[in-house]
Amino acid sequence: MTVLCVIPARSGSKRIPSKNIRLLGGKPLLAWSIAAAIQSKVIDRLIVSTDSVEIASIAKEYGADVPGLRPAELAQDTSLTIDVIRHVINSYSNNEDIIIVLQPTTPLRNADDIRGALQLFKQYNTPHSVISVCEHSTPLEWVHELADTGQLLLQHRDYHIRSQILPKRYVFNGGVYVNYTQHLKSGTFFDVPVYGYIMPIERSVDIDIIDDFVFAEFILSKQHTHIYSYG
């Protein structure tokens, strides 16, 4: 089966201006996801969806295809990723069987993660999605709401239970999404059974604020050499 990979990278980040091309480890943030896709060697076509000429130029420099700019109405704060994916499918797809979506804000996901998620996806024949996850660091039993008055709304729980015996919980990390291209023409990643591809926390950094860049740089510095090389 053929595989289309889409990396959505709009220009209008509010918290971190030009986030998708801000340097991480000496390379634009977007470049890490492009490199992972190329190095996975399971992608037949790699498209970056963007509304920015500058981002498009950088994407092409690192090996992605940008067949056209995204319409402005699909590059707003309120725009849904699934609508962006459908635009790519309807406008640029060559009828690939499977679609993989990589968010550029999870830059430390690597080629093995992409291959692993795709391999997991191919294990099931019924309609389904595979979405990468990582273990949630805080047990939900320790999470509480805070009222407007400042009072913690405590639940009736046994607070003496050791965290080691509580069930593990997982959260989406934005690393890899996999589904059938045909299904996403009208469906979503979440209207079918979802299987979780587990990634380690150190590869699940989600870049949302400046501190996340600092943390990602710290992880890279501890690896001595960068995850990817650029020739």
C-alpha atoms as a PDB file:
ATOM      1  CA  MET A   1       0.000   0.000   0.000  1.00  0.00           C
ATOM      2  CA  THR A   2       1.217   3.493  -0.842  1.00  0.00           C
ATOM      3  CA  VAL A   3       1.696   6.073   1.891  1.00  0.00           C
ATOM      4  CA  LEU A   4       1.170   9.845   1.821  1.00  0.00           C
ATOM      5  CA  CYS A   5       2.731  11.826   4.660  1.00  0.00           C
ATOM      6  CA  VAL A   6       1.379  15.279   5.512  1.00  0.00           C
ATOM      7  CA  ILE A   7       3.081  17.789   7.808  1.00  0.00           C
ATOM      8  CA  PRO A   8       0.799  20.755   8.632  1.00  0.00           C
ATOM      9  CA  ALA A   9       2.840  23.906   9.291  1.00  0.00           C
ATOM     10  CA  ARG A  10       0.995  27.205   9.254  1.00  0.00           C
ATOM     11  CA  SER A  11       2.652  30.559   9.863  1.00  0.00           C
ATOM     12  CA  GLY A  12       0.408  32.180  12.446  1.00  0.00           C
ATOM     13  CA  SER A  13       1.644  30.891  15.792  1.00  0.00           C
ATOM     14  CA  LYS A  14       0.665  33.349  18.528  1.00  0.00           C
ATOM     15  CA  ARG A  15       2.668  32.089  21.538  1.00  0.00           C
ATOM     16  CA  ILE A  16       5.900  31.640  19.607  1.00  0.00           C
ATOM     17  CA  PRO A  17       6.093  33.712  16.409  1.00  0.00           C
ATOM     18  CA  SER A  18       7.367  31.711  13.414  1.00  0.00           C
ATOM     19  CA  LYS A  19       7.449  28.627  15.654  1.00  0.00           C
ATOM     20  CA  ASN A  20       7.576  26.085  12.833  1.00  0.00           C
ATOM     21  CA  ILE A  21      10.814  27.512  11.460  1.00  0.00           C
ATOM     22  CA  ARG A  22      12.423  28.587  14.730  1.00  0.00           C
ATOM     23  CA  LEU A  23      15.822  26.910  15.113  1.00  0.00           C
ATOM     24  CA  LEU A  24      16.125  23.792  17.238  1.00  0.00           C
ATOM     25  CA  GLY A  25      19.516  22.128  17.369  1.00  0.00           C
ATOM     26  CA  GLY A  26      20.639  24.446  14.592  1.00  0.00           C
ATOM     27  CA  LYS A  27      17.834  23.456  12.195  1.00  0.00           C
ATOM     28  CA  PRO A  28      14.291  24.777  11.632  1.00  0.00           C
ATOM     29  CA  LEU A  29      11.732  22.991  13.793  1.00  0.00           C
ATOM     30  CA  LEU A  30       9.924  21.775  10.683  1.00  0.00           C
ATOM     31  CA  ALA A  31      13.096  20.141   9.344  1.00  0.00           C
ATOM     32  CA  TRP A  32      13.127  17.525  12.099  1.00  0.00           C
ATOM     33  CA  SER A  33       9.792  16.063  11.021  1.00  0.00           C
ATOM     34  CA  ILE A  34      10.762  16.142   7.350  1.00  0.00           C
ATOM     35  CA  ALA A  35      13.988  14.300   8.145  1.00  0.00           C
ATOM     36  CA  ALA A  36      12.174  11.650  10.191  1.00  0.00           C
ATOM     37  CA  ALA A  37       9.711  11.029   7.360  1.00  0.00           C
ATOM     38  CA  ILE A  38      12.438  10.708   4.748  1.00  0.00           C
ATOM     39  CA  GLN A  39      14.624   8.490   6.909  1.00  0.00           C
ATOM     40  CA  SER A  40      11.718   6.155   7.707  1.00  0.00           C
ATOM     41  CA  LYS A  41      11.817   4.991   4.060  1.00  0.00           C
ATOM     42  CA  VAL A  42       8.115   4.074   4.209  1.00  0.00           C
ATOM     43  CA  ILE A  43       6.778   7.315   2.714  1.00  0.00           C
ATOM     44  CA  ASP A  44       5.893   7.446  -0.977  1.00  0.00           C
ATOM     45  CA  ARG A  45       5.063  11.153  -0.987  1.00  0.00           C
ATOM     46  CA  LEU A  46       5.803  13.852   1.583  1.00  0.00           C
ATOM     47  CA  ILE A  47       3.743  17.062   1.538  1.00  0.00           C
ATOM     48  CA  VAL A  48       4.019  20.086   3.803  1.00  0.00           C
ATOM     49  CA  SER A  49       0.786  22.058   4.049  1.00  0.00           C
ATOM     50  CA  THR A  50       1.441  25.718   4.746  1.00  0.00           C
ATOM     51  CA  ASP A  51       0.103  29.181   4.045  1.00  0.00           C
ATOM     52  CA  SER A  52       3.602  30.704   4.095  1.00  0.00           C
ATOM     53  CA  VAL A  53       5.963  31.213   1.176  1.00  0.00           C
ATOM     54  CA  GLU A  54       8.904  31.242   3.607  1.00  0.00           C
ATOM     55  CA  ILE A  55       7.887  27.964   5.249  1.00  0.00           C
ATOM     56  CA  ALA A  56       7.276  26.434   1.816  1.00  0.00           C
ATOM     57  CA  SER A  57      10.784  27.398   0.722  1.00  0.00           C
ATOM     58  CA  ILE A  58      12.346  25.863   3.837  1.00  0.00           C
ATOM     59  CA  ALA A  59      10.250  22.707   3.474  1.00  0.00           C
ATOM     60  CA  LYS A  60      11.438  22.239  -0.105  1.00  0.00           C
ATOM     61  CA  GLU A  61      15.042  22.871   0.951  1.00  0.00           C
ATOM     62  CA  TYR A  62      14.845  19.919   3.352  1.00  0.00           C
ATOM     63  CA  GLY A  63      13.212  17.575   0.879  1.00  0.00           C
ATOM     64  CA  ALA A  64       9.422  17.946   1.160  1.00  0.00           C
ATOM     65  CA  ASP A  65       6.929  18.721  -1.585  1.00  0.00           C
ATOM     66  CA  VAL A  66       4.764  21.848  -1.355  1.00  0.00           C
ATOM     67  CA  PRO A  67       2.443  21.622  -4.355  1.00  0.00           C
ATOM     68  CA  GLY A  68       0.533  24.771  -3.395  1.00  0.00           C
ATOM     69  CA  LEU A  69      -0.156  27.141  -0.518  1.00  0.00           C
ATOM     70  CA  ARG A  70      -2.929  26.408   1.948  1.00  0.00           C
ATOM     71  CA  PRO A  71      -6.013  28.671   1.652  1.00  0.00           C
ATOM     72  CA  ALA A  72      -6.131  31.419   4.265  1.00  0.00           C
ATOM     73  CA  GLU A  73      -9.374  30.082   5.742  1.00  0.00           C
ATOM     74  CA  LEU A  74      -7.513  26.886   6.664  1.00  0.00           C
ATOM     75  CA  ALA A  75      -4.679  28.731   8.407  1.00  0.00           C
ATOM     76  CA  GLN A  76      -6.574  30.378  11.248  1.00  0.00           C
ATOM     77  CA  ASP A  77      -6.340  29.726  14.993  1.00  0.00           C
ATOM     78  CA  THR A  78      -9.722  28.028  14.740  1.00  0.00           C
ATOM     79  CA  SER A  79      -8.897  25.909  11.685  1.00  0.00           C
ATOM     80  CA  LEU A  80      -9.188  22.162  12.220  1.00  0.00           C
ATOM     81  CA  THR A  81      -6.317  19.867  11.290  1.00  0.00           C
ATOM     82  CA  ILE A  82      -8.719  17.384   9.724  1.00  0.00           C
ATOM     83  CA  ASP A  83      -9.916  20.079   7.296  1.00  0.00           C
ATOM     84  CA  VAL A  84      -6.297  20.794   6.360  1.00  0.00           C
ATOM     85  CA  ILE A  85      -5.716  17.075   5.757  1.00  0.00           C
ATOM     86  CA  ARG A  86      -8.842  16.831   3.584  1.00  0.00           C
ATOM     87  CA  HIS A  87      -7.655  19.815   1.548  1.00  0.00           C
ATOM     88  CA  VAL A  88      -4.371  18.027   0.855  1.00  0.00           C
ATOM     89  CA  ILE A  89      -6.161  14.778  -0.022  1.00  0.00           C
ATOM     90  CA  ASN A  90      -8.678  16.442  -2.337  1.00  0.00           C
ATOM     91  CA  SER A  91      -6.190  18.804  -3.982  1.00  0.00           C
ATOM     92  CA  TYR A  92      -2.891  16.929  -4.187  1.00  0.00           C
ATOM     93  CA  SER A  93      -3.312  13.237  -3.387  1.00  0.00           C
ATOM     94  CA  ASN A  94      -2.300  10.611  -5.944  1.00  0.00           C
ATOM     95  CA  ASN A  95      -4.798   8.165  -4.406  1.00  0.00           C
ATOM     96  CA  GLU A  96      -2.344   6.878  -1.825  1.00  0.00           C
ATOM     97  CA  ASP A  97      -3.835   4.143   0.363  1.00  0.00           C
ATOM     98  CA  ILE A  98      -2.600   5.315   3.770  1.00  0.00           C
ATOM     99  CA  ILE A  99      -2.017   8.767   5.197  1.00  0.00           C
ATOM    100  CA  ILE A 100       0.425   9.615   7.981  1.00  0.00           C
ATOM    101  CA  VAL A 101       0.262  12.994   9.696  1.00  0.00           C
ATOM    102  CA  LEU A 102       3.278  14.370  11.561  1.00  0.00           C
ATOM    103  CA  GLN A 103       2.937  17.502  13.645  1.00  0.00           C
ATOM    104  CA  PRO A 104       6.133  19.577  13.397  1.00  0.00           C
ATOM    105  CA  THR A 105       5.766  20.488  17.072  1.00  0.00           C
ATOM    106  CA  THR A 106       6.874  16.964  18.067  1.00  0.00           C
ATOM    107  CA  PRO A 107      10.386  17.215  16.596  1.00  0.00           C
ATOM    108  CA  LEU A 108      12.109  14.433  18.536  1.00  0.00           C
ATOM    109  CA  ARG A 109       9.928  11.680  17.129  1.00  0.00           C
ATOM    110  CA  ASN A 110      12.176   9.620  14.871  1.00  0.00           C
ATOM    111  CA  ALA A 111      12.051   7.331  11.849  1.00  0.00           C
ATOM    112  CA  ASP A 112      11.607   4.247  14.034  1.00  0.00           C
ATOM    113  CA  ASP A 113       8.460   5.779  15.520  1.00  0.00           C
ATOM    114  CA  ILE A 114       6.984   6.330  12.076  1.00  0.00           C
ATOM    115  CA  ARG A 115       7.822   2.795  10.976  1.00  0.00           C
ATOM    116  CA  GLY A 116       6.497   1.364  14.234  1.00  0.00           C
ATOM    117  CA  ALA A 117       3.188   3.224  14.040  1.00  0.00           C
ATOM    118  CA  LEU A 118       2.697   2.156  10.423  1.00  0.00           C
ATOM    119  CA  GLN A 119       3.526  -1.450  11.255  1.00  0.00           C
ATOM    120  CA  LEU A 120       0.968  -1.390  14.079  1.00  0.00           C
ATOM    121  CA  PHE A 121      -1.627   0.107  11.735  1.00  0.00           C
ATOM    122  CA  LYS A 122      -1.144  -2.700   9.217  1.00  0.00           C
ATOM    123  CA  GLN A 123      -1.896  -5.333  11.860  1.00  0.00           C
ATOM    124  CA  TYR A 124      -5.631  -4.556  11.787  1.00  0.00           C
ATOM    125  CA  ASN A 125      -8.022  -4.927   8.856  1.00  0.00           C
ATOM    126  CA  THR A 126     -11.122  -3.158  10.182  1.00  0.00           C
ATOM    127  CA  PRO A 127     -11.479   0.654  10.055  1.00  0.00           C
ATOM    128  CA  HIS A 128      -9.191   2.128  12.696  1.00  0.00           C
ATOM    129  CA  SER A 129      -6.561   4.724  13.508  1.00  0.00           C
ATOM    130  CA  VAL A 130      -3.136   4.544  15.090  1.00  0.00           C
ATOM    131  CA  ILE A 131      -2.094   7.568  17.129  1.00  0.00           C
ATOM    132  CA  SER A 132       1.168   7.912  19.042  1.00  0.00           C
ATOM    133  CA  VAL A 133       0.979   8.368  22.791  1.00  0.00           C
ATOM    134  CA  CYS A 134       3.292   8.628  25.771  1.00  0.00           C
ATOM    135  CA  GLU A 135       2.753   7.743  29.388  1.00  0.00           C
ATOM    136  CA  HIS A 136       1.146  10.480  31.481  1.00  0.00           C
ATOM    137  CA  SER A 137       3.572  11.419  34.224  1.00  0.00           C
ATOM    138  CA  THR A 138       0.962  12.289  36.865  1.00  0.00           C
ATOM    139  CA  PRO A 139      -1.662   9.741  38.003  1.00  0.00           C
ATOM    140  CA  LEU A 140      -5.162  11.048  37.308  1.00  0.00           C
ATOM    141  CA  GLU A 141      -6.010  10.136  40.905  1.00  0.00           C
ATOM    142  CA  TRP A 142      -3.778  13.047  41.914  1.00  0.00           C
ATOM    143  CA  VAL A 143      -5.424  15.577  39.576  1.00  0.00           C
ATOM    144  CA  HIS A 144      -8.126  17.901  40.965  1.00  0.00           C
ATOM    145  CA  GLU A 145     -10.155  20.913  39.935  1.00  0.00           C
ATOM    146  CA  LEU A 146      -9.727  24.251  41.651  1.00  0.00           C
ATOM    147  CA  ALA A 147     -12.893  26.238  42.411  1.00  0.00           C
ATOM    148  CA  ASP A 148     -13.124  29.991  41.825  1.00  0.00           C
ATOM    149  CA  THR A 149     -12.801  30.403  45.580  1.00  0.00           C
ATOM    150  CA  GLY A 150      -9.421  28.661  45.512  1.00  0.00           C
ATOM    151  CA  GLN A 151     -10.724  25.539  47.207  1.00  0.00           C
ATOM    152  CA  LEU A 152      -9.520  22.207  45.809  1.00  0.00           C
ATOM    153  CA  LEU A 153     -12.439  20.026  44.773  1.00  0.00           C
ATOM    154  CA  LEU A 154     -11.125  16.799  46.227  1.00  0.00           C
ATOM    155  CA  GLN A 155     -12.659  13.490  45.258  1.00  0.00           C
ATOM    156  CA  HIS A 156     -13.204  10.678  47.735  1.00  0.00           C
ATOM    157  CA  ARG A 157     -10.036   8.740  47.021  1.00  0.00           C
ATOM    158  CA  ASP A 158      -7.429   6.862  48.939  1.00  0.00           C
ATOM    159  CA  TYR A 159      -4.486   9.278  48.868  1.00  0.00           C
ATOM    160  CA  HIS A 160      -2.191   6.734  50.454  1.00  0.00           C
ATOM    161  CA  ILE A 161      -2.107   4.474  47.385  1.00  0.00           C
ATOM    162  CA  ARG A 162       1.386   4.303  45.916  1.00  0.00           C
ATOM    163  CA  SER A 163       1.646   5.597  42.361  1.00  0.00           C
ATOM    164  CA  GLN A 164       3.458   2.419  41.289  1.00  0.00           C
ATOM    165  CA  ILE A 165       0.277   0.356  41.646  1.00  0.00           C
ATOM    166  CA  LEU A 166      -2.043   2.801  39.888  1.00  0.00           C
ATOM    167  CA  PRO A 167      -2.978   2.024  36.257  1.00  0.00           C
ATOM    168  CA  LYS A 168      -0.855   3.675  33.580  1.00  0.00           C
ATOM    169  CA  ARG A 169      -2.539   6.377  31.532  1.00  0.00           C
ATOM    170  CA  TYR A 170      -1.449   7.707  28.158  1.00  0.00           C
ATOM    171  CA  VAL A 171      -1.820  11.026  26.339  1.00  0.00           C
ATOM    172  CA  PHE A 172      -1.587  11.940  22.667  1.00  0.00           C
ATOM    173  CA  ASN A 173       1.838  13.423  21.920  1.00  0.00           C
ATOM    174  CA  GLY A 174       1.336  14.695  18.368  1.00  0.00           C
ATOM    175  CA  GLY A 175       4.063  12.449  16.987  1.00  0.00           C
ATOM    176  CA  VAL A 176       2.315  10.189  14.470  1.00  0.00           C
ATOM    177  CA  TYR A 177      -1.245   9.774  13.197  1.00  0.00           C
ATOM    178  CA  VAL A 178      -2.124   6.979  10.753  1.00  0.00           C
ATOM    179  CA  ASN A 179      -5.360   6.190   8.906  1.00  0.00           C
ATOM    180  CA  TYR A 180      -6.688   5.184   5.511  1.00  0.00           C
ATOM    181  CA  THR A 181      -6.755   8.106   3.091  1.00  0.00           C
ATOM    182  CA  GLN A 182     -10.210   7.153   1.849  1.00  0.00           C
ATOM    183  CA  HIS A 183     -11.625   7.223   5.369  1.00  0.00           C
ATOM    184  CA  LEU A 184     -10.326  10.724   6.092  1.00  0.00           C
ATOM    185  CA  LYS A 185     -12.152  12.158   3.087  1.00  0.00           C
ATOM    186  CA  SER A 186     -15.241  12.238   5.300  1.00  0.00           C
ATOM    187  CA  GLY A 187     -14.220  10.685   8.622  1.00  0.00           C
ATOM    188  CA  THR A 188     -11.717  11.557  11.320  1.00  0.00           C
ATOM    189  CA  PHE A 189      -8.946   9.887  13.289  1.00  0.00           C
ATOM    190  CA  PHE A 190     -11.314   9.543  16.236  1.00  0.00           C
ATOM    191  CA  ASP A 191     -14.568   8.129  14.826  1.00  0.00           C
ATOM    192  CA  VAL A 192     -13.072   4.630  14.567  1.00  0.00           C
ATOM    193  CA  PRO A 193     -11.237   2.446  17.114  1.00  0.00           C
ATOM    194  CA  VAL A 194      -7.909   4.072  18.002  1.00  0.00           C
ATOM    195  CA  TYR A 195      -4.790   2.034  18.772  1.00  0.00           C
ATOM    196  CA  GLY A 196      -1.962   3.712  20.649  1.00  0.00           C
ATOM    197  CA  TYR A 197       1.625   3.525  19.498  1.00  0.00           C
ATOM    198  CA  ILE A 198       3.666   4.139  22.652  1.00  0.00           C
ATOM    199  CA  MET A 199       6.612   6.519  22.422  1.00  0.00           C
ATOM    200  CA  PRO A 200       9.071   7.311  25.218  1.00  0.00           C
ATOM    201  CA  ILE A 201       8.671  10.620  27.007  1.00  0.00           C
ATOM    202  CA  GLU A 202      12.057  11.900  25.805  1.00  0.00           C
ATOM    203  CA  ARG A 203      10.847  11.723  22.184  1.00  0.00           C
ATOM    204  CA  SER A 204       7.419  13.154  22.996  1.00  0.00           C
ATOM    205  CA  VAL A 205       8.298  16.785  23.702  1.00  0.00           C
ATOM    206  CA  ASP A 206       5.467  18.947  22.363  1.00  0.00           C
ATOM    207  CA  ILE A 207       6.680  22.431  21.437  1.00  0.00           C
ATOM    208  CA  ASP A 208       4.066  24.899  22.649  1.00  0.00           C
ATOM    209  CA  ILE A 209       5.955  27.516  24.667  1.00  0.00           C
ATOM    210  CA  ILE A 210       9.554  28.735  24.814  1.00  0.00           C
ATOM    211  CA  ASP A 211      10.319  26.447  27.745  1.00  0.00           C
ATOM    212  CA  ASP A 212       9.556  23.466  25.503  1.00  0.00           C
ATOM    213  CA  PHE A 213      12.281  24.604  23.106  1.00  0.00           C
ATOM    214  CA  VAL A 214      14.677  24.830  26.042  1.00  0.00           C
ATOM    215  CA  PHE A 215      13.765  21.323  27.173  1.00  0.00           C
ATOM    216  CA  ALA A 216      14.134  19.900  23.646  1.00  0.00           C
ATOM    217  CA  GLU A 217      17.555  21.546  23.315  1.00  0.00           C
ATOM    218  CA  PHE A 218      18.530  19.994  26.650  1.00  0.00           C
ATOM    219  CA  ILE A 219      17.538  16.518  25.426  1.00  0.00           C
ATOM    220  CA  LEU A 220      19.528  17.011  22.239  1.00  0.00           C
ATOM    221  CA  SER A 221      22.563  18.164  24.206  1.00  0.00           C
ATOM    222  CA  LYS A 222      22.466  14.982  26.285  1.00  0.00           C
ATOM    223  CA  GLN A 223      22.582  12.834  23.161  1.00  0.00           C
ATOM    224  CA  HIS A 224      26.064  14.086  22.178  1.00  0.00           C
ATOM    225  CA  THR A 225      25.096  13.852  18.507  1.00  0.00           C
ATOM    226  CA  HIS A 226      21.835  14.940  16.964  1.00  0.00           C
ATOM    227  CA  ILE A 227      19.157  12.414  16.121  1.00  0.00           C
ATOM    228  CA  TYR A 228      19.379  13.239  12.425  1.00  0.00           C
ATOM    229  CA  SER A 229      22.180  14.303  10.146  1.00  0.00           C
ATOM    230  CA  TYR A 230      21.794  16.568   7.168  1.00  0.00           C
ATOM    231  CA  GLY A 231      23.931  16.139   4.122  1.00  0.00           C
END
